[in-house]
Amino acid sequence: MRMEPLTKQQIQRQDFVDNQIFELLQQLLPHTEKLAWDITMIGAVRDAIREQIVDQRQIMSEEEFYP
């Protein structure tokens, strides 16, 4: 099964979500600590958020949250 390439809008949404999660993680740390960009860690947090807003509470679809 061949997947369609993501649209520019979908890529922008993915970038937005990942950047917001990274910013949240940075804000939660003491100001003396800085995180390196780690997509594995960001993905784990994204999955936890998706579980809550897509699967549990059904506030938005998975496509809307992270296409």
PDB file of N, CA and C in Angstrom:
ATOM      1  N   MET A   1       0.845  -1.179   0.000  1.00  0.00           N
ATOM      2  CA  MET A   1       0.000   0.000   0.000  1.00  0.00           C
ATOM      3  C   MET A   1       0.890   1.242   0.000  1.00  0.00           C
ATOM      4  N   ARG A   2       0.695   2.089  -0.950  1.00  0.00           N
ATOM      5  CA  ARG A   2       1.501   3.295  -1.090  1.00  0.00           C
ATOM      6  C   ARG A   2       0.816   4.463  -0.393  1.00  0.00           C
ATOM      7  N   MET A   3       1.585   5.162   0.434  1.00  0.00           N
ATOM      8  CA  MET A   3       1.028   6.310   1.141  1.00  0.00           C
ATOM      9  C   MET A   3       1.228   7.571   0.319  1.00  0.00           C
ATOM     10  N   GLU A   4       0.235   8.443   0.387  1.00  0.00           N
ATOM     11  CA  GLU A   4       0.329   9.726  -0.297  1.00  0.00           C
ATOM     12  C   GLU A   4       1.322  10.617   0.449  1.00  0.00           C
ATOM     13  N   PRO A   5       2.081  11.416  -0.286  1.00  0.00           N
ATOM     14  CA  PRO A   5       2.988  12.343   0.408  1.00  0.00           C
ATOM     15  C   PRO A   5       2.185  13.371   1.202  1.00  0.00           C
ATOM     16  N   LEU A   6       2.778  13.836   2.284  1.00  0.00           N
ATOM     17  CA  LEU A   6       2.111  14.842   3.111  1.00  0.00           C
ATOM     18  C   LEU A   6       2.043  16.174   2.377  1.00  0.00           C
ATOM     19  N   THR A   7       0.980  16.901   2.615  1.00  0.00           N
ATOM     20  CA  THR A   7       0.850  18.238   2.045  1.00  0.00           C
ATOM     21  C   THR A   7       1.710  19.201   2.861  1.00  0.00           C
ATOM     22  N   LYS A   8       1.920  20.379   2.322  1.00  0.00           N
ATOM     23  CA  LYS A   8       2.669  21.408   3.048  1.00  0.00           C
ATOM     24  C   LYS A   8       1.978  21.734   4.370  1.00  0.00           C
ATOM     25  N   GLN A   9       0.661  21.814   4.349  1.00  0.00           N
ATOM     26  CA  GLN A   9      -0.112  22.116   5.554  1.00  0.00           C
ATOM     27  C   GLN A   9       0.057  21.012   6.604  1.00  0.00           C
ATOM     28  N   GLN A  10       0.056  19.760   6.183  1.00  0.00           N
ATOM     29  CA  GLN A  10       0.245  18.653   7.118  1.00  0.00           C
ATOM     30  C   GLN A  10       1.648  18.677   7.735  1.00  0.00           C
ATOM     31  N   ILE A  11       2.638  18.968   6.934  1.00  0.00           N
ATOM     32  CA  ILE A  11       4.007  19.060   7.439  1.00  0.00           C
ATOM     33  C   ILE A  11       4.125  20.216   8.426  1.00  0.00           C
ATOM     34  N   GLN A  12       3.489  21.331   8.106  1.00  0.00           N
ATOM     35  CA  GLN A  12       3.505  22.479   9.021  1.00  0.00           C
ATOM     36  C   GLN A  12       2.836  22.127  10.344  1.00  0.00           C
ATOM     37  N   ARG A  13       1.763  21.356  10.306  1.00  0.00           N
ATOM     38  CA  ARG A  13       1.084  20.938  11.538  1.00  0.00           C
ATOM     39  C   ARG A  13       1.997  20.034  12.365  1.00  0.00           C
ATOM     40  N   GLN A  14       2.656  19.087  11.712  1.00  0.00           N
ATOM     41  CA  GLN A  14       3.581  18.205  12.426  1.00  0.00           C
ATOM     42  C   GLN A  14       4.709  19.014  13.067  1.00  0.00           C
ATOM     43  N   ASP A  15       5.275  19.934  12.324  1.00  0.00           N
ATOM     44  CA  ASP A  15       6.341  20.792  12.865  1.00  0.00           C
ATOM     45  C   ASP A  15       5.841  21.603  14.052  1.00  0.00           C
ATOM     46  N   PHE A  16       4.634  22.136  13.939  1.00  0.00           N
ATOM     47  CA  PHE A  16       4.052  22.927  15.019  1.00  0.00           C
ATOM     48  C   PHE A  16       3.906  22.085  16.286  1.00  0.00           C
ATOM     49  N   VAL A  17       3.326  20.898  16.165  1.00  0.00           N
ATOM     50  CA  VAL A  17       3.121  20.030  17.323  1.00  0.00           C
ATOM     51  C   VAL A  17       4.462  19.664  17.959  1.00  0.00           C
ATOM     52  N   ASP A  18       5.411  19.223  17.146  1.00  0.00           N
ATOM     53  CA  ASP A  18       6.720  18.828  17.679  1.00  0.00           C
ATOM     54  C   ASP A  18       7.429  20.004  18.346  1.00  0.00           C
ATOM     55  N   ASN A  19       7.355  21.170  17.749  1.00  0.00           N
ATOM     56  CA  ASN A  19       7.997  22.355  18.333  1.00  0.00           C
ATOM     57  C   ASN A  19       7.320  22.778  19.631  1.00  0.00           C
ATOM     58  N   GLN A  20       6.001  22.675  19.705  1.00  0.00           N
ATOM     59  CA  GLN A  20       5.286  23.023  20.931  1.00  0.00           C
ATOM     60  C   GLN A  20       5.644  22.064  22.066  1.00  0.00           C
ATOM     61  N   ILE A  21       5.748  20.788  21.749  1.00  0.00           N
ATOM     62  CA  ILE A  21       6.137  19.806  22.761  1.00  0.00           C
ATOM     63  C   ILE A  21       7.558  20.080  23.239  1.00  0.00           C
ATOM     64  N   PHE A  22       8.465  20.355  22.325  1.00  0.00           N
ATOM     65  CA  PHE A  22       9.846  20.658  22.705  1.00  0.00           C
ATOM     66  C   PHE A  22       9.900  21.895  23.592  1.00  0.00           C
ATOM     67  N   GLU A  23       9.132  22.908  23.242  1.00  0.00           N
ATOM     68  CA  GLU A  23       9.087  24.136  24.041  1.00  0.00           C
ATOM     69  C   GLU A  23       8.529  23.846  25.437  1.00  0.00           C
ATOM     70  N   LEU A  24       7.492  23.044  25.522  1.00  0.00           N
ATOM     71  CA  LEU A  24       6.931  22.671  26.818  1.00  0.00           C
ATOM     72  C   LEU A  24       7.983  21.974  27.671  1.00  0.00           C
ATOM     73  N   LEU A  25       8.682  21.020  27.095  1.00  0.00           N
ATOM     74  CA  LEU A  25       9.720  20.309  27.836  1.00  0.00           C
ATOM     75  C   LEU A  25      10.800  21.268  28.324  1.00  0.00           C
ATOM     76  N   GLN A  26      11.189  22.210  27.485  1.00  0.00           N
ATOM     77  CA  GLN A  26      12.193  23.209  27.872  1.00  0.00           C
ATOM     78  C   GLN A  26      11.683  24.056  29.038  1.00  0.00           C
ATOM     79  N   GLN A  27      10.415  24.447  28.990  1.00  0.00           N
ATOM     80  CA  GLN A  27       9.828  25.294  30.026  1.00  0.00           C
ATOM     81  C   GLN A  27       9.734  24.565  31.362  1.00  0.00           C
ATOM     82  N   LEU A  28       9.591  23.256  31.332  1.00  0.00           N
ATOM     83  CA  LEU A  28       9.464  22.483  32.554  1.00  0.00           C
ATOM     84  C   LEU A  28      10.793  22.267  33.277  1.00  0.00           C
ATOM     85  N   LEU A  29      11.882  22.464  32.574  1.00  0.00           N
ATOM     86  CA  LEU A  29      13.208  22.270  33.160  1.00  0.00           C
ATOM     87  C   LEU A  29      13.652  23.505  33.932  1.00  0.00           C
ATOM     88  N   PRO A  30      14.555  23.308  34.895  1.00  0.00           N
ATOM     89  CA  PRO A  30      15.164  24.486  35.525  1.00  0.00           C
ATOM     90  C   PRO A  30      15.851  25.329  34.439  1.00  0.00           C
ATOM     91  N   HIS A  31      15.911  26.610  34.659  1.00  0.00           N
ATOM     92  CA  HIS A  31      16.468  27.509  33.633  1.00  0.00           C
ATOM     93  C   HIS A  31      17.938  27.241  33.340  1.00  0.00           C
ATOM     94  N   THR A  32      18.593  26.509  34.211  1.00  0.00           N
ATOM     95  CA  THR A  32      20.013  26.205  33.988  1.00  0.00           C
ATOM     96  C   THR A  32      20.209  25.014  33.059  1.00  0.00           C
ATOM     97  N   GLU A  33      19.145  24.277  32.789  1.00  0.00           N
ATOM     98  CA  GLU A  33      19.238  23.081  31.943  1.00  0.00           C
ATOM     99  C   GLU A  33      18.659  23.354  30.556  1.00  0.00           C
ATOM    100  N   LYS A  34      19.275  22.797  29.552  1.00  0.00           N
ATOM    101  CA  LYS A  34      18.766  22.882  28.182  1.00  0.00           C
ATOM    102  C   LYS A  34      18.728  21.486  27.582  1.00  0.00           C
ATOM    103  N   LEU A  35      17.670  21.206  26.864  1.00  0.00           N
ATOM    104  CA  LEU A  35      17.546  19.923  26.182  1.00  0.00           C
ATOM    105  C   LEU A  35      18.049  20.025  24.758  1.00  0.00           C
ATOM    106  N   ALA A  36      18.660  18.962  24.297  1.00  0.00           N
ATOM    107  CA  ALA A  36      18.953  18.839  22.864  1.00  0.00           C
ATOM    108  C   ALA A  36      17.675  18.331  22.193  1.00  0.00           C
ATOM    109  N   TRP A  37      17.496  18.675  20.938  1.00  0.00           N
ATOM    110  CA  TRP A  37      16.340  18.186  20.181  1.00  0.00           C
ATOM    111  C   TRP A  37      16.439  16.666  20.121  1.00  0.00           C
ATOM    112  N   ASP A  38      15.405  15.988  20.584  1.00  0.00           N
ATOM    113  CA  ASP A  38      15.381  14.526  20.617  1.00  0.00           C
ATOM    114  C   ASP A  38      13.995  14.069  20.173  1.00  0.00           C
ATOM    115  N   ILE A  39      13.885  13.686  18.910  1.00  0.00           N
ATOM    116  CA  ILE A  39      12.583  13.344  18.344  1.00  0.00           C
ATOM    117  C   ILE A  39      11.994  12.102  19.004  1.00  0.00           C
ATOM    118  N   THR A  40      12.838  11.236  19.563  1.00  0.00           N
ATOM    119  CA  THR A  40      12.330  10.060  20.270  1.00  0.00           C
ATOM    120  C   THR A  40      11.577  10.489  21.519  1.00  0.00           C
ATOM    121  N   MET A  41      12.161  11.407  22.285  1.00  0.00           N
ATOM    122  CA  MET A  41      11.504  11.918  23.486  1.00  0.00           C
ATOM    123  C   MET A  41      10.256  12.713  23.105  1.00  0.00           C
ATOM    124  N   ILE A  42      10.359  13.550  22.106  1.00  0.00           N
ATOM    125  CA  ILE A  42       9.214  14.340  21.644  1.00  0.00           C
ATOM    126  C   ILE A  42       8.088  13.406  21.198  1.00  0.00           C
ATOM    127  N   GLY A  43       8.446  12.353  20.473  1.00  0.00           N
ATOM    128  CA  GLY A  43       7.446  11.390  20.009  1.00  0.00           C
ATOM    129  C   GLY A  43       6.738  10.680  21.147  1.00  0.00           C
ATOM    130  N   ALA A  44       7.467  10.376  22.214  1.00  0.00           N
ATOM    131  CA  ALA A  44       6.854   9.720  23.371  1.00  0.00           C
ATOM    132  C   ALA A  44       5.828  10.645  24.033  1.00  0.00           C
ATOM    133  N   VAL A  45       6.175  11.921  24.165  1.00  0.00           N
ATOM    134  CA  VAL A  45       5.245  12.897  24.742  1.00  0.00           C
ATOM    135  C   VAL A  45       4.056  13.095  23.799  1.00  0.00           C
ATOM    136  N   ARG A  46       4.335  13.187  22.503  1.00  0.00           N
ATOM    137  CA  ARG A  46       3.266  13.346  21.504  1.00  0.00           C
ATOM    138  C   ARG A  46       2.291  12.177  21.579  1.00  0.00           C
ATOM    139  N   ASP A  47       2.808  10.957  21.749  1.00  0.00           N
ATOM    140  CA  ASP A  47       1.935   9.781  21.850  1.00  0.00           C
ATOM    141  C   ASP A  47       1.042   9.862  23.087  1.00  0.00           C
ATOM    142  N   ALA A  48       1.599  10.339  24.206  1.00  0.00           N
ATOM    143  CA  ALA A  48       0.810  10.472  25.438  1.00  0.00           C
ATOM    144  C   ALA A  48      -0.286  11.524  25.260  1.00  0.00           C
ATOM    145  N   ILE A  49       0.048  12.622  24.609  1.00  0.00           N
ATOM    146  CA  ILE A  49      -0.945  13.676  24.356  1.00  0.00           C
ATOM    147  C   ILE A  49      -2.023  13.155  23.410  1.00  0.00           C
ATOM    148  N   ARG A  50      -1.592  12.479  22.343  1.00  0.00           N
ATOM    149  CA  ARG A  50      -2.550  11.906  21.391  1.00  0.00           C
ATOM    150  C   ARG A  50      -3.498  10.943  22.092  1.00  0.00           C
ATOM    151  N   GLU A  51      -2.977  10.113  22.979  1.00  0.00           N
ATOM    152  CA  GLU A  51      -3.805   9.161  23.722  1.00  0.00           C
ATOM    153  C   GLU A  51      -4.940   9.885  24.448  1.00  0.00           C
ATOM    154  N   GLN A  52      -4.629  11.037  25.017  1.00  0.00           N
ATOM    155  CA  GLN A  52      -5.629  11.778  25.780  1.00  0.00           C
ATOM    156  C   GLN A  52      -6.615  12.529  24.882  1.00  0.00           C
ATOM    157  N   ILE A  53      -6.108  13.306  23.931  1.00  0.00           N
ATOM    158  CA  ILE A  53      -7.027  14.182  23.183  1.00  0.00           C
ATOM    159  C   ILE A  53      -7.667  13.517  21.965  1.00  0.00           C
ATOM    160  N   VAL A  54      -7.047  12.449  21.458  1.00  0.00           N
ATOM    161  CA  VAL A  54      -7.631  11.753  20.313  1.00  0.00           C
ATOM    162  C   VAL A  54      -8.386  10.509  20.782  1.00  0.00           C
ATOM    163  N   ASP A  55      -7.700   9.635  21.519  1.00  0.00           N
ATOM    164  CA  ASP A  55      -8.291   8.349  21.877  1.00  0.00           C
ATOM    165  C   ASP A  55      -9.267   8.442  23.055  1.00  0.00           C
ATOM    166  N   GLN A  56      -8.848   9.051  24.146  1.00  0.00           N
ATOM    167  CA  GLN A  56      -9.672   9.065  25.354  1.00  0.00           C
ATOM    168  C   GLN A  56     -10.810  10.086  25.278  1.00  0.00           C
ATOM    169  N   ARG A  57     -10.484  11.320  24.975  1.00  0.00           N
ATOM    170  CA  ARG A  57     -11.497  12.378  25.019  1.00  0.00           C
ATOM    171  C   ARG A  57     -12.118  12.686  23.663  1.00  0.00           C
ATOM    172  N   GLN A  58     -11.510  12.199  22.599  1.00  0.00           N
ATOM    173  CA  GLN A  58     -12.024  12.366  21.236  1.00  0.00           C
ATOM    174  C   GLN A  58     -12.334  13.823  20.911  1.00  0.00           C
ATOM    175  N   ILE A  59     -11.413  14.705  21.299  1.00  0.00           N
ATOM    176  CA  ILE A  59     -11.559  16.137  21.039  1.00  0.00           C
ATOM    177  C   ILE A  59     -11.269  16.447  19.579  1.00  0.00           C
ATOM    178  N   MET A  60     -10.355  15.697  18.998  1.00  0.00           N
ATOM    179  CA  MET A  60     -10.016  15.879  17.590  1.00  0.00           C
ATOM    180  C   MET A  60      -9.569  14.540  17.029  1.00  0.00           C
ATOM    181  N   SER A  61      -9.538  14.452  15.709  1.00  0.00           N
ATOM    182  CA  SER A  61      -9.099  13.217  15.066  1.00  0.00           C
ATOM    183  C   SER A  61      -7.574  13.153  15.054  1.00  0.00           C
ATOM    184  N   GLU A  62      -7.067  11.970  14.821  1.00  0.00           N
ATOM    185  CA  GLU A  62      -5.613  11.818  14.722  1.00  0.00           C
ATOM    186  C   GLU A  62      -5.077  12.657  13.561  1.00  0.00           C
ATOM    187  N   GLU A  63      -5.809  12.714  12.468  1.00  0.00           N
ATOM    188  CA  GLU A  63      -5.407  13.514  11.308  1.00  0.00           C
ATOM    189  C   GLU A  63      -5.334  14.997  11.665  1.00  0.00           C
ATOM    190  N   GLU A  64      -6.262  15.474  12.464  1.00  0.00           N
ATOM    191  CA  GLU A  64      -6.238  16.871  12.884  1.00  0.00           C
ATOM    192  C   GLU A  64      -5.082  17.143  13.833  1.00  0.00           C
ATOM    193  N   PHE A  65      -4.829  16.205  14.752  1.00  0.00           N
ATOM    194  CA  PHE A  65      -3.778  16.389  15.728  1.00  0.00           C
ATOM    195  C   PHE A  65      -2.397  16.288  15.102  1.00  0.00           C
ATOM    196  N   TYR A  66      -2.121  15.186  14.436  1.00  0.00           N
ATOM    197  CA  TYR A  66      -0.781  14.949  13.870  1.00  0.00           C
ATOM    198  C   TYR A  66      -0.929  14.107  12.617  1.00  0.00           C
ATOM    199  N   PRO A  67      -1.107  14.774  11.483  1.00  0.00           N
ATOM    200  CA  PRO A  67      -1.362  14.037  10.228  1.00  0.00           C
ATOM    201  C   PRO A  67      -0.227  13.126   9.801  1.00  0.00           C
TER     202      PRO A  67
END
